[in-house]
Amino acid sequence: MHTLVLYESMYGNTHAIAEAIAEGARSSGDAAVIPVHQATADLVAWADLVIVGGPTHARGMSTEASRLNATAAAAQPDGWSEIALDASAGASGVREWLDGVSGADGKPAIAYDTRVVAPSLLTGRAASGIEKGLRGHGFRIVAKAESFMIDTHQRLRFGEVDRARKWGARMAASVGT
């Protein structure tokens, strides 16, 4: 079983969740964690399961403008300065990757996101757009999209990394059987 975990991350939260998902998925075989802007058709072909995630920006998937705003917010000296940008921040995101992806041919896929704790009716969910994009590009959605929560200071809530690890193990096991 080969699981490919793709992520887009601005402040490192979605990256940390991707690493935890892959750690859990390794209980069923190999798993690779790749920033979505580096995901190639060969990597997608290698995978038996593709898990794709990103941060929720403005009630949905990030855009070039929302990534620029997040970068600018991290540079502000008004309390946001404790936020560090992820090494992959500022590169193209899930939306752009989906625009260029091909050859899915029914490959199993699952979406996830990170978002602030509040009802999704208020916050939106990037995972909804990711799931729709995956389906529209020929992937077969095999499980309900999952959200992992951050606090109002842009940090993962306690227990979310462990929950992601367990979720990744369950997702890989369900496809690998």
Protein backbone atom coordinates (compact mmCIF):
# COMPACT_ATOMS: atom_id res chain seq x y z
CA MET A 1 0.00 0.00 0.00
CA HIS A 2 1.38 3.40 -1.06
CA THR A 3 -0.18 6.54 0.41
CA LEU A 4 0.64 9.97 -0.98
CA VAL A 5 -0.14 12.81 1.42
CA LEU A 6 -0.13 16.19 -0.29
CA TYR A 7 -0.38 19.47 1.57
CA GLU A 8 -0.43 23.21 1.18
CA SER A 9 0.61 25.08 4.33
CA MET A 10 1.19 28.70 5.27
CA TYR A 11 2.01 28.60 9.00
CA GLY A 12 3.00 24.93 9.29
CA ASN A 13 -0.26 23.58 10.71
CA THR A 14 -1.41 21.72 7.60
CA HIS A 15 2.15 20.48 7.09
CA ALA A 16 2.20 19.06 10.64
CA ILE A 17 -1.14 17.37 10.02
CA ALA A 18 0.15 15.91 6.74
CA GLU A 19 3.18 14.44 8.53
CA ALA A 20 0.93 12.91 11.20
CA ILE A 21 -1.45 11.45 8.60
CA ALA A 22 1.48 9.85 6.79
CA GLU A 23 2.88 8.50 10.05
CA GLY A 24 -0.44 6.78 10.69
CA ALA A 25 -0.73 5.55 7.11
CA ARG A 26 2.66 3.86 7.40
CA SER A 27 0.99 1.19 9.52
CA SER A 28 -0.42 -0.08 6.19
CA GLY A 29 2.66 0.43 4.00
CA ASP A 30 4.71 3.24 2.48
CA ALA A 31 3.69 6.88 2.77
CA ALA A 32 5.19 10.01 1.24
CA VAL A 33 4.52 13.60 2.34
CA ILE A 34 4.94 16.16 -0.44
CA PRO A 35 4.07 19.88 -0.73
CA VAL A 36 1.34 20.01 -3.34
CA HIS A 37 3.36 22.29 -5.63
CA GLN A 38 5.96 19.48 -5.93
CA ALA A 39 3.45 16.70 -6.65
CA THR A 40 4.05 15.12 -10.04
CA ALA A 41 2.03 12.75 -12.19
CA ASP A 42 4.59 10.03 -11.37
CA LEU A 43 3.94 10.43 -7.63
CA VAL A 44 0.19 10.23 -8.17
CA ALA A 45 0.70 7.10 -10.32
CA TRP A 46 2.82 5.54 -7.52
CA ALA A 47 0.09 6.01 -4.93
CA ASP A 48 -2.71 3.61 -4.09
CA LEU A 49 -4.32 6.40 -2.06
CA VAL A 50 -3.95 10.17 -2.43
CA ILE A 51 -4.80 12.36 0.58
CA VAL A 52 -4.85 16.10 -0.19
CA GLY A 53 -5.18 18.98 2.24
CA GLY A 54 -4.83 22.68 2.72
CA PRO A 55 -5.73 25.54 5.04
CA THR A 56 -9.14 27.16 4.97
CA HIS A 57 -8.82 30.74 3.74
CA ALA A 58 -11.84 33.03 3.39
CA ARG A 59 -14.29 30.12 3.77
CA GLY A 60 -12.62 27.89 1.17
CA MET A 61 -9.42 26.88 -0.58
CA SER A 62 -6.59 29.38 -0.66
CA THR A 63 -5.99 31.66 -3.60
CA GLU A 64 -2.90 33.53 -4.69
CA ALA A 65 -4.31 36.64 -2.99
CA SER A 66 -5.12 34.86 0.29
CA ARG A 67 -1.62 33.35 0.39
CA LEU A 68 -0.14 36.84 -0.07
CA ASN A 69 -2.37 38.15 2.74
CA ALA A 70 -1.27 35.30 5.03
CA THR A 71 2.38 36.04 4.25
CA ALA A 72 1.85 39.73 5.01
CA ALA A 73 0.03 38.92 8.26
CA ALA A 74 2.96 36.82 9.46
CA ALA A 75 5.29 39.77 8.88
CA GLN A 76 3.22 42.16 11.05
CA PRO A 77 4.75 43.22 14.36
CA ASP A 78 1.34 43.33 16.12
CA GLY A 79 1.30 39.93 17.75
CA TRP A 80 1.23 37.82 14.60
CA SER A 81 5.03 37.95 14.52
CA GLU A 82 5.22 34.70 16.53
CA ILE A 83 3.86 32.91 13.45
CA ALA A 84 6.51 31.53 11.16
CA LEU A 85 5.83 30.74 7.54
CA ASP A 86 6.14 27.12 6.44
CA ALA A 87 9.03 26.45 4.05
CA SER A 88 6.49 25.81 1.27
CA ALA A 89 4.44 28.96 1.94
CA GLY A 90 3.90 31.27 -0.98
CA ALA A 91 4.22 28.57 -3.61
CA SER A 92 1.22 27.55 -5.65
CA GLY A 93 -1.46 25.67 -3.74
CA VAL A 94 -4.04 22.92 -4.00
CA ARG A 95 -6.27 24.96 -6.32
CA GLU A 96 -3.47 25.34 -8.87
CA TRP A 97 -2.40 21.70 -8.53
CA LEU A 98 -5.94 20.55 -9.21
CA ASP A 99 -6.03 22.72 -12.34
CA GLY A 100 -3.06 20.78 -13.71
CA VAL A 101 -3.62 17.25 -12.42
CA SER A 102 -4.49 14.48 -14.85
CA GLY A 103 -4.50 10.71 -15.05
CA ALA A 104 -6.37 10.01 -11.82
CA ASP A 105 -8.60 7.39 -13.50
CA GLY A 106 -10.62 6.55 -10.40
CA LYS A 107 -7.67 6.54 -8.00
CA PRO A 108 -8.87 6.59 -4.36
CA ALA A 109 -8.57 10.01 -2.73
CA ILE A 110 -9.56 11.82 0.46
CA ALA A 111 -9.53 15.53 1.34
CA TYR A 112 -8.64 17.25 4.61
CA ASP A 113 -8.18 20.79 5.80
CA THR A 114 -7.21 22.91 8.76
CA ARG A 115 -9.60 25.57 10.00
CA VAL A 116 -10.52 27.64 13.04
CA VAL A 117 -12.79 26.01 15.59
CA ALA A 118 -16.31 27.20 14.80
CA PRO A 119 -19.26 25.80 12.90
CA SER A 120 -18.27 25.13 9.29
CA LEU A 121 -21.27 27.20 8.24
CA LEU A 122 -19.32 30.20 9.57
CA THR A 123 -15.74 29.21 8.75
CA GLY A 124 -16.21 27.33 5.50
CA ARG A 125 -14.09 24.29 4.74
CA ALA A 126 -11.26 24.06 2.23
CA ALA A 127 -11.79 20.29 2.25
CA SER A 128 -15.17 20.69 0.54
CA GLY A 129 -13.57 22.45 -2.42
CA ILE A 130 -10.64 20.03 -2.45
CA GLU A 131 -13.00 17.06 -2.52
CA LYS A 132 -15.03 18.59 -5.34
CA GLY A 133 -11.85 19.28 -7.30
CA LEU A 134 -10.52 15.77 -6.77
CA ARG A 135 -13.80 14.26 -7.96
CA GLY A 136 -13.88 16.60 -10.96
CA HIS A 137 -10.41 15.48 -12.01
CA GLY A 138 -11.19 11.77 -11.97
CA PHE A 139 -10.32 10.74 -8.43
CA ARG A 140 -12.71 8.47 -6.54
CA ILE A 141 -13.56 9.88 -3.10
CA VAL A 142 -13.39 6.98 -0.63
CA ALA A 143 -14.07 8.70 2.70
CA LYS A 144 -15.64 11.83 4.10
CA ALA A 145 -13.35 14.85 4.19
CA GLU A 146 -11.87 15.68 7.60
CA SER A 147 -11.10 19.00 9.30
CA PHE A 148 -8.32 19.51 11.85
CA MET A 149 -8.71 22.48 14.15
CA ILE A 150 -6.52 25.47 14.89
CA ASP A 151 -7.03 28.10 17.57
CA THR A 152 -7.42 31.84 17.10
CA HIS A 153 -3.63 32.24 17.41
CA GLN A 154 -3.10 30.07 14.32
CA ARG A 155 -1.81 27.05 16.27
CA LEU A 156 -3.06 23.49 16.13
CA ARG A 157 -5.35 22.65 19.01
CA PHE A 158 -4.18 20.13 21.55
CA GLY A 159 -4.72 16.55 20.37
CA GLU A 160 -5.13 17.32 16.67
CA VAL A 161 -1.79 15.81 15.62
CA ASP A 162 -2.62 12.58 17.42
CA ARG A 163 -6.11 12.58 15.91
CA ALA A 164 -4.56 13.05 12.44
CA ARG A 165 -2.19 10.13 13.02
CA LYS A 166 -5.08 7.85 13.95
CA TRP A 167 -7.20 9.10 11.06
CA GLY A 168 -4.37 8.46 8.60
CA ALA A 169 -4.01 4.90 9.89
CA ARG A 170 -7.76 4.28 9.51
CA MET A 171 -7.89 5.78 6.01
CA ALA A 172 -4.93 3.77 4.71
CA ALA A 173 -6.22 0.55 6.30
CA SER A 174 -9.68 1.04 4.79
CA VAL A 175 -8.26 1.38 1.27
CA GLY A 176 -5.53 -1.24 1.70
CA THR A 177 -7.94 -4.04 2.52
